[in-house]
């Protein structure tokens, strides 16, 4: 077999133990629509806080969710609570509801932010496992490299 989709990337296994009892599983691979909705949702959240965030983030550089979360923590406390609630909803939708928004919000903030960063890295910048396609790698002689 030359290509095995089941071995190309690692499953999106997660556990919120010991912080949230009984919340663990495997996040279903998001489809193109979910990824587009996630990216649009994060962009919408940033735009809603445009005049309250640092210039780089306010100008549309929301690709780094960790920096975004750190910037949000410097806002008015009510804005922070609202942002985190909305962000958890955007992330839960990306995860097909497993984990749910309420489960995500039960995580301590520092752990929640790391979860967001991990998920974004895995979904938006995945790295295929070496040899995941099960194809044979042919080593060329040095002279063939040009």
Protein backbone atom coordinates (compact mmCIF):
# COMPACT_ATOMS: atom_id res chain seq x y z
CA UNK A 1 0.00 0.00 0.00
CA UNK A 2 1.45 3.38 -0.99
CA UNK A 3 -0.73 5.77 1.04
CA UNK A 4 -2.49 5.16 4.34
CA UNK A 5 -4.57 8.14 5.51
CA UNK A 6 -4.74 6.62 8.98
CA UNK A 7 -0.99 7.01 9.47
CA UNK A 8 -0.28 10.41 7.90
CA UNK A 9 -0.85 12.49 11.05
CA UNK A 10 -1.24 11.69 14.71
CA UNK A 11 -4.78 11.59 16.10
CA UNK A 12 -5.87 14.71 17.99
CA UNK A 13 -5.91 12.95 21.37
CA UNK A 14 -6.61 15.20 24.33
CA UNK A 15 -7.31 14.98 28.04
CA UNK A 16 -8.34 17.70 30.45
CA UNK A 17 -7.57 15.46 33.44
CA UNK A 18 -6.86 16.16 36.25
CA UNK A 19 -8.40 19.63 35.88
CA UNK A 20 -11.71 18.53 34.37
CA UNK A 21 -12.72 15.02 35.39
CA UNK A 22 -13.87 12.67 32.66
CA UNK A 23 -13.08 15.01 29.76
CA UNK A 24 -10.83 13.30 27.23
CA UNK A 25 -11.04 11.82 23.79
CA UNK A 26 -9.99 12.26 20.20
CA UNK A 27 -10.99 15.40 18.34
CA UNK A 28 -12.55 14.60 14.99
CA UNK A 29 -10.42 15.94 12.13
CA UNK A 30 -11.98 19.28 11.21
CA UNK A 31 -13.21 19.77 7.67
CA UNK A 32 -12.42 22.74 5.45
CA UNK A 33 -15.58 24.60 6.52
CA UNK A 34 -14.74 24.20 10.23
CA UNK A 35 -11.21 25.46 9.67
CA UNK A 36 -12.46 28.46 7.67
CA UNK A 37 -15.08 29.20 10.36
CA UNK A 38 -12.40 28.97 13.07
CA UNK A 39 -10.10 31.37 11.23
CA UNK A 40 -13.01 33.73 10.58
CA UNK A 41 -14.17 33.48 14.20
CA UNK A 42 -10.74 34.39 15.58
CA UNK A 43 -10.48 37.26 13.11
CA UNK A 44 -13.93 38.52 14.15
CA UNK A 45 -12.95 38.39 17.84
CA UNK A 46 -9.80 40.38 17.14
CA UNK A 47 -11.69 42.94 15.07
CA UNK A 48 -14.21 43.35 17.90
CA UNK A 49 -11.35 44.40 20.17
CA UNK A 50 -9.42 46.31 17.48
CA UNK A 51 -8.89 49.56 19.39
CA UNK A 52 -8.04 47.73 22.63
CA UNK A 53 -5.32 45.36 21.34
CA UNK A 54 -1.67 46.03 20.47
CA UNK A 55 -1.16 47.25 16.91
CA UNK A 56 0.21 43.99 15.42
CA UNK A 57 -2.78 41.98 16.58
CA UNK A 58 -5.31 44.72 15.86
CA UNK A 59 -4.05 44.94 12.29
CA UNK A 60 -5.01 41.36 11.52
CA UNK A 61 -2.06 39.29 12.73
CA UNK A 62 -4.20 36.86 14.71
CA UNK A 63 -2.29 33.80 13.51
CA UNK A 64 -0.53 33.39 16.87
CA UNK A 65 -3.27 32.44 19.32
CA UNK A 66 -0.85 32.49 22.29
CA UNK A 67 0.11 36.13 21.67
CA UNK A 68 -3.55 36.96 21.17
CA UNK A 69 -4.52 35.40 24.51
CA UNK A 70 -1.70 37.24 26.30
CA UNK A 71 -2.82 40.57 24.81
CA UNK A 72 -6.44 39.93 25.78
CA UNK A 73 -5.45 39.36 29.40
CA UNK A 74 -4.41 43.04 29.62
CA UNK A 75 -7.94 44.24 28.75
CA UNK A 76 -10.83 45.24 31.00
CA UNK A 77 -11.88 42.17 33.05
CA UNK A 78 -15.38 42.04 31.49
CA UNK A 79 -13.87 42.12 28.00
CA UNK A 80 -11.57 39.27 29.01
CA UNK A 81 -14.43 37.10 30.29
CA UNK A 82 -16.47 37.76 27.16
CA UNK A 83 -13.52 37.08 24.87
CA UNK A 84 -12.68 33.78 26.57
CA UNK A 85 -16.28 32.63 26.35
CA UNK A 86 -16.48 33.45 22.65
CA UNK A 87 -13.06 31.92 21.94
CA UNK A 88 -14.09 28.68 23.67
CA UNK A 89 -17.14 28.56 21.39
CA UNK A 90 -15.01 29.05 18.28
CA UNK A 91 -12.62 26.30 19.40
CA UNK A 92 -15.45 23.90 20.35
CA UNK A 93 -16.95 24.35 16.87
CA UNK A 94 -13.57 23.49 15.33
CA UNK A 95 -13.59 20.33 17.49
CA UNK A 96 -17.14 19.31 16.43
CA UNK A 97 -18.24 19.91 20.04
CA UNK A 98 -15.83 17.42 21.61
CA UNK A 99 -14.57 19.00 23.82
CA UNK A 100 -17.54 21.27 24.38
CA UNK A 101 -17.42 24.99 25.04
CA UNK A 102 -18.33 24.42 28.69
CA UNK A 103 -15.60 21.78 29.08
CA UNK A 104 -13.02 24.13 27.58
CA UNK A 105 -14.09 26.93 29.92
CA UNK A 106 -13.62 24.63 32.93
CA UNK A 107 -9.89 24.47 32.24
CA UNK A 108 -7.66 26.88 34.17
CA UNK A 109 -6.78 29.78 31.89
CA UNK A 110 -3.09 28.96 31.50
CA UNK A 111 -3.87 25.40 30.47
CA UNK A 112 -6.70 26.54 28.20
CA UNK A 113 -4.34 28.88 26.33
CA UNK A 114 -1.81 26.07 25.84
CA UNK A 115 -4.64 23.82 24.56
CA UNK A 116 -5.62 26.50 22.03
CA UNK A 117 -2.02 26.83 20.86
CA UNK A 118 -1.57 23.05 20.58
CA UNK A 119 -4.80 22.64 18.64
CA UNK A 120 -4.01 25.49 16.27
CA UNK A 121 -0.55 24.08 15.60
CA UNK A 122 -1.90 20.59 14.95
CA UNK A 123 -4.78 21.65 12.73
CA UNK A 124 -3.42 24.65 10.84
CA UNK A 125 0.25 23.63 10.57
CA UNK A 126 0.24 19.84 10.66
CA UNK A 127 3.38 17.89 9.95
CA UNK A 128 3.02 14.54 8.27
CA UNK A 129 4.79 11.69 9.97
CA UNK A 130 8.04 10.64 8.26
CA UNK A 131 7.26 7.84 5.85
CA UNK A 132 3.56 8.19 6.56
CA UNK A 133 2.76 7.49 2.94
CA UNK A 134 4.61 4.17 3.23
CA UNK A 135 6.37 4.97 -0.05
CA UNK A 136 9.89 3.75 -0.58
CA UNK A 137 12.51 6.50 -0.48
CA UNK A 138 15.15 6.15 -3.17
CA UNK A 139 18.55 7.65 -2.40
CA UNK A 140 20.06 9.24 -5.49
CA UNK A 141 23.78 9.34 -6.16
CA UNK A 142 25.41 12.67 -5.30
CA UNK A 143 26.10 13.38 -8.96
CA UNK A 144 22.34 13.27 -9.71
CA UNK A 145 21.65 16.14 -7.29
CA UNK A 146 22.86 18.63 -9.86
